[in-house]
Amino acid sequence: MLIIFIFFIILYYFFYFKIEKLTEKHLITFQNQLHENNINFSWKNVDKSGFPYRIVNKLKSVEIKINNTDIFLKSLDIIYQPWNIKHILIKTSEKIDITHMNNSIIIFPDILGSIVLNENNEKRVSFNFEKIQVIIDKNINEISKPEIYIREQENSNLEYSITIKELFFYPSFMEKNSIRNLLINGELINYKDFNINKFYDWFSSQGGLDIDNFSLNIDKILIKGNAFLGLDENLDIQSSISIETNELDKLIMILKNENVITKSLFETLNIIIKAIEISSSNIPKFSINIQNGYLSLMGIKIINIPNLKILNPN
């Protein structure tokens, strides 16, 4: 029995390090695939650990460059189970710094991701974050405890689900007016034709973000709805949004108090909202559109929406 036990230990030893070499090969292949798409993914060195239960490739000083965006983190763990290399864990206890032109994003630890491939190599991906700060023109917007779930489908769409515990968005939705319990479910249209180097061309001609349903709370105001988001050839955001809420008047009151809309515009919108509420037998539904650089409620322009050319200097 002892000889058999030693034999299996030796056999597992060789099996483990064969799989470890295979994971290293997969990493280099992935790096080369990104390079072919003009994405630079590099690291200074790799520390290996985890024997006998896990295979851990710890990448040190990781840098990723995508067009005008630079990403850096001190270390990144890529973790495999020796008996199932189609389940990959991605983990870091270091913050991730992302810079794009004069703006920046900081993703705070701990960060945990999971990638699972089925028999058809279709992926299920999930990421959990503690906190993300998006700094635009020195204004700090904060996303608390976001979770992202993605699943490839047999068609050309990518199914996704996003949850956010709390979102602070400057200047209107800060402190008590923060957006809470945000849930978004939908599909990314024609993602298989996606090309990071021609992102805006793809989004304006083929892609789109279909939001099957969303829900959120703002200072106890409950809002539900669905939407579609796209771009036109001039990189103006085009969107149609349908929302359900009994308290839209309270939401536009927040916008007025934060000087996002004028008092006269508030009064006009309030009349429209009250008229729709009176004519509705159930929870009122409102139509919101983004077109030609403006967000409009029932045809009334509310706020200007920036053109995405500011993010695409090329």
C-alpha atoms as a PDB file:
ATOM      1  CA  MET A   1       0.000   0.000   0.000  1.00  0.00           C
ATOM      2  CA  LEU A   2       2.837   2.389   0.827  1.00  0.00           C
ATOM      3  CA  ILE A   3       4.418   1.786  -2.574  1.00  0.00           C
ATOM      4  CA  ILE A   4       1.098   2.486  -4.306  1.00  0.00           C
ATOM      5  CA  PHE A   5       0.694   5.673  -2.261  1.00  0.00           C
ATOM      6  CA  ILE A   6       4.195   6.877  -3.162  1.00  0.00           C
ATOM      7  CA  PHE A   7       3.535   6.014  -6.803  1.00  0.00           C
ATOM      8  CA  PHE A   8       0.414   8.201  -6.897  1.00  0.00           C
ATOM      9  CA  ILE A   9       2.256  11.038  -5.128  1.00  0.00           C
ATOM     10  CA  ILE A  10       4.972  10.946  -7.783  1.00  0.00           C
ATOM     11  CA  LEU A  11       2.376  10.680 -10.535  1.00  0.00           C
ATOM     12  CA  TYR A  12       0.501  13.731  -9.193  1.00  0.00           C
ATOM     13  CA  TYR A  13       3.783  15.632  -8.889  1.00  0.00           C
ATOM     14  CA  PHE A  14       4.514  15.187 -12.597  1.00  0.00           C
ATOM     15  CA  PHE A  15       0.865  15.896 -13.494  1.00  0.00           C
ATOM     16  CA  TYR A  16       0.879  19.139 -11.446  1.00  0.00           C
ATOM     17  CA  PHE A  17       4.010  20.568 -13.024  1.00  0.00           C
ATOM     18  CA  LYS A  18       2.883  19.569 -16.495  1.00  0.00           C
ATOM     19  CA  ILE A  19      -0.332  21.553 -15.938  1.00  0.00           C
ATOM     20  CA  GLU A  20       1.690  24.435 -14.482  1.00  0.00           C
ATOM     21  CA  LYS A  21       3.728  24.607 -17.687  1.00  0.00           C
ATOM     22  CA  LEU A  22       0.501  24.526 -19.680  1.00  0.00           C
ATOM     23  CA  THR A  23      -0.909  27.510 -17.745  1.00  0.00           C
ATOM     24  CA  GLU A  24       2.296  29.429 -18.434  1.00  0.00           C
ATOM     25  CA  LYS A  25       1.915  28.652 -22.133  1.00  0.00           C
ATOM     26  CA  HIS A  26      -1.717  29.842 -22.041  1.00  0.00           C
ATOM     27  CA  LEU A  27      -0.582  33.129 -20.468  1.00  0.00           C
ATOM     28  CA  ILE A  28       1.995  33.776 -23.197  1.00  0.00           C
ATOM     29  CA  THR A  29      -0.558  32.861 -25.885  1.00  0.00           C
ATOM     30  CA  PHE A  30      -3.035  35.316 -24.371  1.00  0.00           C
ATOM     31  CA  GLN A  31      -0.344  38.010 -24.273  1.00  0.00           C
ATOM     32  CA  ASN A  32       0.431  37.446 -27.957  1.00  0.00           C
ATOM     33  CA  GLN A  33      -3.266  37.556 -28.898  1.00  0.00           C
ATOM     34  CA  LEU A  34      -3.594  40.931 -27.191  1.00  0.00           C
ATOM     35  CA  HIS A  35      -0.460  42.187 -28.911  1.00  0.00           C
ATOM     36  CA  GLU A  36      -1.960  41.268 -32.301  1.00  0.00           C
ATOM     37  CA  ASN A  37      -4.830  43.613 -31.403  1.00  0.00           C
ATOM     38  CA  ASN A  38      -2.430  46.450 -30.470  1.00  0.00           C
ATOM     39  CA  ILE A  39      -2.906  45.853 -26.744  1.00  0.00           C
ATOM     40  CA  ASN A  40       0.342  45.755 -24.784  1.00  0.00           C
ATOM     41  CA  PHE A  41       0.137  43.424 -21.735  1.00  0.00           C
ATOM     42  CA  SER A  42       3.431  43.073 -19.879  1.00  0.00           C
ATOM     43  CA  TRP A  43       4.925  42.208 -16.484  1.00  0.00           C
ATOM     44  CA  LYS A  44       8.422  42.197 -15.000  1.00  0.00           C
ATOM     45  CA  ASN A  45       8.456  38.680 -13.558  1.00  0.00           C
ATOM     46  CA  VAL A  46       6.238  35.799 -12.430  1.00  0.00           C
ATOM     47  CA  ASP A  47       6.326  34.089  -9.019  1.00  0.00           C
ATOM     48  CA  LYS A  48       4.893  30.570  -8.919  1.00  0.00           C
ATOM     49  CA  SER A  49       3.265  28.977  -5.869  1.00  0.00           C
ATOM     50  CA  GLY A  50       0.236  26.961  -4.760  1.00  0.00           C
ATOM     51  CA  PHE A  51       1.490  23.363  -4.807  1.00  0.00           C
ATOM     52  CA  PRO A  52      -0.244  20.951  -4.370  1.00  0.00           C
ATOM     53  CA  TYR A  53      -3.829  22.307  -4.475  1.00  0.00           C
ATOM     54  CA  ARG A  54      -3.570  25.355  -6.712  1.00  0.00           C
ATOM     55  CA  ILE A  55      -1.417  26.790  -9.478  1.00  0.00           C
ATOM     56  CA  VAL A  56      -0.731  30.445  -8.783  1.00  0.00           C
ATOM     57  CA  ASN A  57       1.048  32.668 -11.285  1.00  0.00           C
ATOM     58  CA  LYS A  58       1.723  35.980  -9.507  1.00  0.00           C
ATOM     59  CA  LEU A  59       2.540  38.631 -12.101  1.00  0.00           C
ATOM     60  CA  LYS A  60       4.616  41.533 -10.757  1.00  0.00           C
ATOM     61  CA  SER A  61       4.475  45.134 -12.030  1.00  0.00           C
ATOM     62  CA  VAL A  62       1.707  44.579 -14.538  1.00  0.00           C
ATOM     63  CA  GLU A  63       1.185  47.175 -17.271  1.00  0.00           C
ATOM     64  CA  ILE A  64      -1.539  47.262 -19.924  1.00  0.00           C
ATOM     65  CA  LYS A  65      -1.734  49.872 -22.666  1.00  0.00           C
ATOM     66  CA  ILE A  66      -4.799  50.206 -24.905  1.00  0.00           C
ATOM     67  CA  ASN A  67      -4.666  53.161 -27.297  1.00  0.00           C
ATOM     68  CA  ASN A  68      -4.768  56.248 -25.019  1.00  0.00           C
ATOM     69  CA  THR A  69      -5.417  54.254 -21.851  1.00  0.00           C
ATOM     70  CA  ASP A  70      -2.739  53.020 -19.438  1.00  0.00           C
ATOM     71  CA  ILE A  71      -3.394  50.474 -16.677  1.00  0.00           C
ATOM     72  CA  PHE A  72      -0.940  49.592 -13.903  1.00  0.00           C
ATOM     73  CA  LEU A  73      -0.993  47.363 -10.827  1.00  0.00           C
ATOM     74  CA  LYS A  74       1.813  46.057  -8.628  1.00  0.00           C
ATOM     75  CA  SER A  75       0.773  42.414  -8.730  1.00  0.00           C
ATOM     76  CA  LEU A  76      -1.901  40.133 -10.147  1.00  0.00           C
ATOM     77  CA  ASP A  77      -2.627  36.525  -9.159  1.00  0.00           C
ATOM     78  CA  ILE A  78      -3.868  34.159 -11.863  1.00  0.00           C
ATOM     79  CA  ILE A  79      -5.051  31.009 -10.120  1.00  0.00           C
ATOM     80  CA  TYR A  80      -5.899  27.609 -11.590  1.00  0.00           C
ATOM     81  CA  GLN A  81      -7.137  24.354 -10.112  1.00  0.00           C
ATOM     82  CA  PRO A  82      -4.850  21.589 -11.452  1.00  0.00           C
ATOM     83  CA  TRP A  83      -7.804  19.297 -12.127  1.00  0.00           C
ATOM     84  CA  ASN A  84      -9.844  21.989 -13.934  1.00  0.00           C
ATOM     85  CA  ILE A  85      -7.825  24.585 -15.847  1.00  0.00           C
ATOM     86  CA  LYS A  86     -11.004  25.867 -17.495  1.00  0.00           C
ATOM     87  CA  HIS A  87     -11.852  27.615 -14.224  1.00  0.00           C
ATOM     88  CA  ILE A  88      -9.539  30.586 -13.676  1.00  0.00           C
ATOM     89  CA  LEU A  89      -9.502  32.947 -10.696  1.00  0.00           C
ATOM     90  CA  ILE A  90      -8.033  36.433 -10.985  1.00  0.00           C
ATOM     91  CA  LYS A  91      -7.201  38.182  -7.732  1.00  0.00           C
ATOM     92  CA  THR A  92      -5.259  41.177  -6.472  1.00  0.00           C
ATOM     93  CA  SER A  93      -4.883  42.966  -3.160  1.00  0.00           C
ATOM     94  CA  GLU A  94      -3.318  45.957  -4.897  1.00  0.00           C
ATOM     95  CA  LYS A  95      -5.109  48.977  -6.314  1.00  0.00           C
ATOM     96  CA  ILE A  96      -5.395  49.339 -10.085  1.00  0.00           C
ATOM     97  CA  ASP A  97      -4.531  52.729 -11.599  1.00  0.00           C
ATOM     98  CA  ILE A  98      -6.107  53.569 -14.958  1.00  0.00           C
ATOM     99  CA  THR A  99      -5.369  56.823 -16.811  1.00  0.00           C
ATOM    100  CA  HIS A 100      -7.015  58.115 -19.972  1.00  0.00           C
ATOM    101  CA  MET A 101      -5.852  61.507 -21.195  1.00  0.00           C
ATOM    102  CA  ASN A 102      -6.410  63.853 -18.192  1.00  0.00           C
ATOM    103  CA  ASN A 103      -8.870  61.565 -16.402  1.00  0.00           C
ATOM    104  CA  SER A 104      -8.201  58.625 -14.121  1.00  0.00           C
ATOM    105  CA  ILE A 105      -9.848  55.605 -12.537  1.00  0.00           C
ATOM    106  CA  ILE A 106      -8.689  53.964  -9.311  1.00  0.00           C
ATOM    107  CA  ILE A 107      -9.962  50.469  -8.509  1.00  0.00           C
ATOM    108  CA  PHE A 108      -9.401  49.644  -4.852  1.00  0.00           C
ATOM    109  CA  PRO A 109      -8.743  46.147  -3.438  1.00  0.00           C
ATOM    110  CA  ASP A 110      -9.799  43.538  -2.832  1.00  0.00           C
ATOM    111  CA  ILE A 111     -10.561  42.512  -6.404  1.00  0.00           C
ATOM    112  CA  LEU A 112     -11.695  39.022  -7.358  1.00  0.00           C
ATOM    113  CA  GLY A 113     -12.565  37.688 -10.796  1.00  0.00           C
ATOM    114  CA  SER A 114     -13.648  34.307 -12.116  1.00  0.00           C
ATOM    115  CA  ILE A 115     -13.572  32.938 -15.673  1.00  0.00           C
ATOM    116  CA  VAL A 116     -15.245  29.620 -16.486  1.00  0.00           C
ATOM    117  CA  LEU A 117     -15.144  27.995 -19.932  1.00  0.00           C
ATOM    118  CA  ASN A 118     -17.717  25.375 -20.924  1.00  0.00           C
ATOM    119  CA  GLU A 119     -17.249  22.525 -23.406  1.00  0.00           C
ATOM    120  CA  ASN A 120     -17.758  24.986 -26.303  1.00  0.00           C
ATOM    121  CA  ASN A 121     -15.220  27.424 -24.804  1.00  0.00           C
ATOM    122  CA  GLU A 122     -18.013  29.905 -24.132  1.00  0.00           C
ATOM    123  CA  LYS A 123     -17.109  32.049 -21.147  1.00  0.00           C
ATOM    124  CA  ARG A 124     -18.846  32.990 -17.909  1.00  0.00           C
ATOM    125  CA  VAL A 125     -17.040  35.895 -16.272  1.00  0.00           C
ATOM    126  CA  SER A 126     -17.599  37.629 -12.949  1.00  0.00           C
ATOM    127  CA  PHE A 127     -15.755  40.412 -11.146  1.00  0.00           C
ATOM    128  CA  ASN A 128     -16.266  41.780  -7.632  1.00  0.00           C
ATOM    129  CA  PHE A 129     -14.721  45.095  -6.577  1.00  0.00           C
ATOM    130  CA  GLU A 130     -14.609  46.933  -3.271  1.00  0.00           C
ATOM    131  CA  LYS A 131     -14.633  50.474  -4.627  1.00  0.00           C
ATOM    132  CA  ILE A 132     -13.941  52.371  -7.857  1.00  0.00           C
ATOM    133  CA  GLN A 133     -13.169  56.073  -8.106  1.00  0.00           C
ATOM    134  CA  VAL A 134     -13.614  57.838 -11.449  1.00  0.00           C
ATOM    135  CA  ILE A 135     -11.896  61.238 -11.479  1.00  0.00           C
ATOM    136  CA  ILE A 136     -13.076  63.562 -14.268  1.00  0.00           C
ATOM    137  CA  ASP A 137     -11.872  67.178 -14.339  1.00  0.00           C
ATOM    138  CA  LYS A 138     -10.702  66.733 -10.718  1.00  0.00           C
ATOM    139  CA  ASN A 139     -14.231  65.759  -9.626  1.00  0.00           C
ATOM    140  CA  ILE A 140     -14.388  62.405  -7.829  1.00  0.00           C
ATOM    141  CA  ASN A 141     -17.234  60.007  -8.673  1.00  0.00           C
ATOM    142  CA  GLU A 142     -17.342  56.847  -6.555  1.00  0.00           C
ATOM    143  CA  ILE A 143     -18.794  53.387  -7.183  1.00  0.00           C
ATOM    144  CA  SER A 144     -19.218  51.220  -4.068  1.00  0.00           C
ATOM    145  CA  LYS A 145     -19.104  47.404  -4.216  1.00  0.00           C
ATOM    146  CA  PRO A 146     -19.800  46.877  -7.930  1.00  0.00           C
ATOM    147  CA  GLU A 147     -20.304  43.334  -9.228  1.00  0.00           C
ATOM    148  CA  ILE A 148     -20.200  42.433 -12.921  1.00  0.00           C
ATOM    149  CA  TYR A 149     -21.418  39.164 -14.456  1.00  0.00           C
ATOM    150  CA  ILE A 150     -20.969  38.333 -18.145  1.00  0.00           C
ATOM    151  CA  ARG A 151     -21.974  35.262 -20.157  1.00  0.00           C
ATOM    152  CA  GLU A 152     -21.308  34.455 -23.790  1.00  0.00           C
ATOM    153  CA  GLN A 153     -24.255  33.178 -25.796  1.00  0.00           C
ATOM    154  CA  GLU A 154     -24.558  31.112 -28.953  1.00  0.00           C
ATOM    155  CA  ASN A 155     -25.771  34.172 -30.856  1.00  0.00           C
ATOM    156  CA  SER A 156     -23.681  37.321 -31.374  1.00  0.00           C
ATOM    157  CA  ASN A 157     -24.785  38.983 -28.120  1.00  0.00           C
ATOM    158  CA  LEU A 158     -23.147  39.074 -24.706  1.00  0.00           C
ATOM    159  CA  GLU A 159     -25.422  38.778 -21.670  1.00  0.00           C
ATOM    160  CA  TYR A 160     -24.487  40.923 -18.665  1.00  0.00           C
ATOM    161  CA  SER A 161     -25.661  41.845 -15.183  1.00  0.00           C
ATOM    162  CA  ILE A 162     -24.300  44.715 -13.073  1.00  0.00           C
ATOM    163  CA  THR A 163     -25.033  45.499  -9.432  1.00  0.00           C
ATOM    164  CA  ILE A 164     -23.781  48.542  -7.519  1.00  0.00           C
ATOM    165  CA  LYS A 165     -24.425  49.127  -3.827  1.00  0.00           C
ATOM    166  CA  GLU A 166     -23.989  52.894  -4.014  1.00  0.00           C
ATOM    167  CA  LEU A 167     -22.972  55.400  -6.698  1.00  0.00           C
ATOM    168  CA  PHE A 168     -21.848  58.965  -5.998  1.00  0.00           C
ATOM    169  CA  PHE A 169     -22.017  61.003  -9.207  1.00  0.00           C
ATOM    170  CA  TYR A 170     -20.863  64.625  -9.185  1.00  0.00           C
ATOM    171  CA  PRO A 171     -22.528  67.102  -8.815  1.00  0.00           C
ATOM    172  CA  SER A 172     -26.175  66.047  -8.414  1.00  0.00           C
ATOM    173  CA  PHE A 173     -26.053  62.600  -6.870  1.00  0.00           C
ATOM    174  CA  MET A 174     -23.793  62.998  -3.844  1.00  0.00           C
ATOM    175  CA  GLU A 175     -24.261  62.320  -0.113  1.00  0.00           C
ATOM    176  CA  LYS A 176     -27.959  61.670   0.674  1.00  0.00           C
ATOM    177  CA  ASN A 177     -28.879  61.851  -3.029  1.00  0.00           C
ATOM    178  CA  SER A 178     -26.507  59.061  -4.026  1.00  0.00           C
ATOM    179  CA  ILE A 179     -27.789  56.315  -6.335  1.00  0.00           C
ATOM    180  CA  ARG A 180     -28.306  53.130  -4.319  1.00  0.00           C
ATOM    181  CA  ASN A 181     -28.977  49.463  -5.097  1.00  0.00           C
ATOM    182  CA  LEU A 182     -28.450  49.867  -8.826  1.00  0.00           C
ATOM    183  CA  LEU A 183     -29.232  46.729 -10.828  1.00  0.00           C
ATOM    184  CA  ILE A 184     -28.834  46.480 -14.617  1.00  0.00           C
ATOM    185  CA  ASN A 185     -29.523  43.411 -16.793  1.00  0.00           C
ATOM    186  CA  GLY A 186     -29.161  43.277 -20.548  1.00  0.00           C
ATOM    187  CA  GLU A 187     -27.133  42.341 -23.606  1.00  0.00           C
ATOM    188  CA  LEU A 188     -24.234  43.810 -25.547  1.00  0.00           C
ATOM    189  CA  ILE A 189     -25.299  43.603 -29.195  1.00  0.00           C
ATOM    190  CA  ASN A 190     -23.017  42.018 -31.833  1.00  0.00           C
ATOM    191  CA  TYR A 191     -20.093  41.771 -29.424  1.00  0.00           C
ATOM    192  CA  LYS A 192     -18.358  39.085 -31.535  1.00  0.00           C
ATOM    193  CA  ASP A 193     -17.597  41.779 -34.122  1.00  0.00           C
ATOM    194  CA  PHE A 194     -16.129  44.008 -31.418  1.00  0.00           C
ATOM    195  CA  ASN A 195     -12.684  45.488 -32.149  1.00  0.00           C
ATOM    196  CA  ILE A 196     -11.025  47.545 -29.408  1.00  0.00           C
ATOM    197  CA  ASN A 197      -9.044  49.512 -31.995  1.00  0.00           C
ATOM    198  CA  LYS A 198     -12.234  50.513 -33.813  1.00  0.00           C
ATOM    199  CA  PHE A 199     -14.506  50.714 -30.792  1.00  0.00           C
ATOM    200  CA  TYR A 200     -16.376  53.862 -31.826  1.00  0.00           C
ATOM    201  CA  ASP A 201     -16.849  52.647 -35.394  1.00  0.00           C
ATOM    202  CA  TRP A 202     -18.219  49.350 -34.082  1.00  0.00           C
ATOM    203  CA  PHE A 203     -20.524  51.013 -31.552  1.00  0.00           C
ATOM    204  CA  SER A 204     -21.937  53.483 -34.076  1.00  0.00           C
ATOM    205  CA  SER A 205     -22.494  50.987 -36.909  1.00  0.00           C
ATOM    206  CA  GLN A 206     -23.008  47.526 -35.371  1.00  0.00           C
ATOM    207  CA  GLY A 207     -23.005  47.504 -31.583  1.00  0.00           C
ATOM    208  CA  GLY A 208     -25.311  48.725 -28.893  1.00  0.00           C
ATOM    209  CA  LEU A 209     -26.189  48.269 -25.253  1.00  0.00           C
ATOM    210  CA  ASP A 210     -29.604  46.730 -24.709  1.00  0.00           C
ATOM    211  CA  ILE A 211     -30.818  47.164 -21.115  1.00  0.00           C
ATOM    212  CA  ASP A 212     -33.653  44.704 -20.546  1.00  0.00           C
ATOM    213  CA  ASN A 213     -34.376  46.087 -17.086  1.00  0.00           C
ATOM    214  CA  PHE A 214     -32.844  48.324 -14.456  1.00  0.00           C
ATOM    215  CA  SER A 215     -33.788  49.532 -10.995  1.00  0.00           C
ATOM    216  CA  LEU A 216     -32.328  52.014  -8.512  1.00  0.00           C
ATOM    217  CA  ASN A 217     -33.086  54.185  -5.489  1.00  0.00           C
ATOM    218  CA  ILE A 218     -32.291  57.870  -5.009  1.00  0.00           C
ATOM    219  CA  ASP A 219     -33.153  59.171  -1.526  1.00  0.00           C
ATOM    220  CA  LYS A 220     -35.931  56.527  -1.265  1.00  0.00           C
ATOM    221  CA  ILE A 221     -37.176  57.316  -4.790  1.00  0.00           C
ATOM    222  CA  LEU A 222     -37.624  53.974  -6.570  1.00  0.00           C
ATOM    223  CA  ILE A 223     -37.106  53.958 -10.342  1.00  0.00           C
ATOM    224  CA  LYS A 224     -37.447  50.994 -12.725  1.00  0.00           C
ATOM    225  CA  GLY A 225     -37.241  50.748 -16.470  1.00  0.00           C
ATOM    226  CA  ASN A 226     -35.502  49.595 -19.629  1.00  0.00           C
ATOM    227  CA  ALA A 227     -33.363  51.270 -22.275  1.00  0.00           C
ATOM    228  CA  PHE A 228     -31.200  51.010 -25.366  1.00  0.00           C
ATOM    229  CA  LEU A 229     -27.913  52.874 -25.765  1.00  0.00           C
ATOM    230  CA  GLY A 230     -26.005  53.471 -29.003  1.00  0.00           C
ATOM    231  CA  LEU A 231     -23.888  56.005 -30.901  1.00  0.00           C
ATOM    232  CA  ASP A 232     -24.380  57.782 -34.202  1.00  0.00           C
ATOM    233  CA  GLU A 233     -21.654  58.404 -36.785  1.00  0.00           C
ATOM    234  CA  ASN A 234     -20.775  61.733 -35.108  1.00  0.00           C
ATOM    235  CA  LEU A 235     -20.246  59.956 -31.746  1.00  0.00           C
ATOM    236  CA  ASP A 236     -23.349  61.518 -30.220  1.00  0.00           C
ATOM    237  CA  ILE A 237     -25.034  59.203 -27.729  1.00  0.00           C
ATOM    238  CA  GLN A 238     -28.425  57.954 -28.943  1.00  0.00           C
ATOM    239  CA  SER A 239     -30.709  56.380 -26.360  1.00  0.00           C
ATOM    240  CA  SER A 240     -34.345  55.607 -25.676  1.00  0.00           C
ATOM    241  CA  ILE A 241     -35.305  55.040 -22.038  1.00  0.00           C
ATOM    242  CA  SER A 242     -38.604  54.056 -20.464  1.00  0.00           C
ATOM    243  CA  ILE A 243     -38.958  54.499 -16.695  1.00  0.00           C
ATOM    244  CA  GLU A 244     -41.615  53.725 -14.125  1.00  0.00           C
ATOM    245  CA  THR A 245     -41.861  55.730 -10.905  1.00  0.00           C
ATOM    246  CA  ASN A 246     -44.374  57.479  -8.684  1.00  0.00           C
ATOM    247  CA  GLU A 247     -41.856  60.111  -7.606  1.00  0.00           C
ATOM    248  CA  LEU A 248     -40.241  61.622 -10.692  1.00  0.00           C
ATOM    249  CA  ASP A 249     -41.154  65.086  -9.414  1.00  0.00           C
ATOM    250  CA  LYS A 250     -38.854  64.531  -6.414  1.00  0.00           C
ATOM    251  CA  LEU A 251     -36.023  63.564  -8.758  1.00  0.00           C
ATOM    252  CA  ILE A 252     -36.283  66.744 -10.838  1.00  0.00           C
ATOM    253  CA  MET A 253     -36.498  68.685  -7.556  1.00  0.00           C
ATOM    254  CA  ILE A 254     -33.019  67.335  -6.758  1.00  0.00           C
ATOM    255  CA  LEU A 255     -31.804  68.551 -10.162  1.00  0.00           C
ATOM    256  CA  LYS A 256     -33.265  72.008  -9.513  1.00  0.00           C
ATOM    257  CA  ASN A 257     -31.743  72.216  -6.027  1.00  0.00           C
ATOM    258  CA  GLU A 258     -28.334  71.324  -7.485  1.00  0.00           C
ATOM    259  CA  ASN A 259     -28.776  74.013 -10.184  1.00  0.00           C
ATOM    260  CA  VAL A 260     -28.667  71.407 -12.951  1.00  0.00           C
ATOM    261  CA  ILE A 261     -31.983  72.733 -14.309  1.00  0.00           C
ATOM    262  CA  THR A 262     -33.600  76.152 -13.987  1.00  0.00           C
ATOM    263  CA  LYS A 263     -36.665  76.950 -11.907  1.00  0.00           C
ATOM    264  CA  SER A 264     -38.777  77.602 -15.030  1.00  0.00           C
ATOM    265  CA  LEU A 265     -37.721  74.276 -16.582  1.00  0.00           C
ATOM    266  CA  PHE A 266     -38.552  72.538 -13.293  1.00  0.00           C
ATOM    267  CA  GLU A 267     -42.044  74.037 -13.326  1.00  0.00           C
ATOM    268  CA  THR A 268     -42.616  72.974 -16.952  1.00  0.00           C
ATOM    269  CA  LEU A 269     -41.475  69.422 -16.246  1.00  0.00           C
ATOM    270  CA  ASN A 270     -43.575  69.259 -13.102  1.00  0.00           C
ATOM    271  CA  ILE A 271     -46.733  70.101 -15.085  1.00  0.00           C
ATOM    272  CA  ILE A 272     -45.982  67.319 -17.589  1.00  0.00           C
ATOM    273  CA  ILE A 273     -45.245  64.818 -14.816  1.00  0.00           C
ATOM    274  CA  LYS A 274     -48.460  65.610 -12.944  1.00  0.00           C
ATOM    275  CA  ALA A 275     -50.507  65.288 -16.143  1.00  0.00           C
ATOM    276  CA  ILE A 276     -49.059  61.834 -16.863  1.00  0.00           C
ATOM    277  CA  GLU A 277     -49.572  60.728 -13.248  1.00  0.00           C
ATOM    278  CA  ILE A 278     -53.242  61.765 -13.361  1.00  0.00           C
ATOM    279  CA  SER A 279     -53.863  59.905 -16.630  1.00  0.00           C
ATOM    280  CA  SER A 280     -52.124  56.705 -15.441  1.00  0.00           C
ATOM    281  CA  SER A 281     -54.119  53.949 -13.781  1.00  0.00           C
ATOM    282  CA  ASN A 282     -50.956  52.173 -12.593  1.00  0.00           C
ATOM    283  CA  ILE A 283     -47.388  53.310 -11.936  1.00  0.00           C
ATOM    284  CA  PRO A 284     -46.736  56.173 -14.389  1.00  0.00           C
ATOM    285  CA  LYS A 285     -44.389  55.527 -17.314  1.00  0.00           C
ATOM    286  CA  PHE A 286     -42.172  58.231 -18.755  1.00  0.00           C
ATOM    287  CA  SER A 287     -40.236  58.394 -22.007  1.00  0.00           C
ATOM    288  CA  ILE A 288     -36.676  59.747 -21.926  1.00  0.00           C
ATOM    289  CA  ASN A 289     -34.495  60.195 -25.007  1.00  0.00           C
ATOM    290  CA  ILE A 290     -30.904  61.157 -25.651  1.00  0.00           C
ATOM    291  CA  GLN A 291     -30.462  62.624 -29.125  1.00  0.00           C
ATOM    292  CA  ASN A 292     -28.451  65.399 -30.784  1.00  0.00           C
ATOM    293  CA  GLY A 293     -26.536  66.071 -27.585  1.00  0.00           C
ATOM    294  CA  TYR A 294     -29.504  66.461 -25.236  1.00  0.00           C
ATOM    295  CA  LEU A 295     -31.367  64.358 -22.690  1.00  0.00           C
ATOM    296  CA  SER A 296     -35.086  65.037 -23.041  1.00  0.00           C
ATOM    297  CA  LEU A 297     -38.137  64.065 -20.982  1.00  0.00           C
ATOM    298  CA  MET A 298     -41.294  63.702 -23.063  1.00  0.00           C
ATOM    299  CA  GLY A 299     -39.705  65.923 -25.727  1.00  0.00           C
ATOM    300  CA  ILE A 300     -38.520  68.652 -23.318  1.00  0.00           C
ATOM    301  CA  LYS A 301     -34.728  69.164 -23.337  1.00  0.00           C
ATOM    302  CA  ILE A 302     -33.265  68.910 -19.843  1.00  0.00           C
ATOM    303  CA  ILE A 303     -29.479  68.636 -19.899  1.00  0.00           C
ATOM    304  CA  ASN A 304     -26.640  68.577 -22.420  1.00  0.00           C
ATOM    305  CA  ILE A 305     -24.920  65.223 -23.022  1.00  0.00           C
ATOM    306  CA  PRO A 306     -21.250  65.503 -24.117  1.00  0.00           C
ATOM    307  CA  ASN A 307     -20.152  64.124 -27.459  1.00  0.00           C
ATOM    308  CA  LEU A 308     -17.788  61.160 -27.081  1.00  0.00           C
ATOM    309  CA  LYS A 309     -15.233  62.778 -29.391  1.00  0.00           C
ATOM    310  CA  ILE A 310     -13.723  64.167 -26.188  1.00  0.00           C
ATOM    311  CA  LEU A 311     -12.655  60.597 -25.380  1.00  0.00           C
ATOM    312  CA  ASN A 312     -11.523  59.821 -28.919  1.00  0.00           C
ATOM    313  CA  PRO A 313      -8.965  62.435 -29.988  1.00  0.00           C
ATOM    314  CA  ASN A 314      -8.040  60.358 -33.043  1.00  0.00           C
END
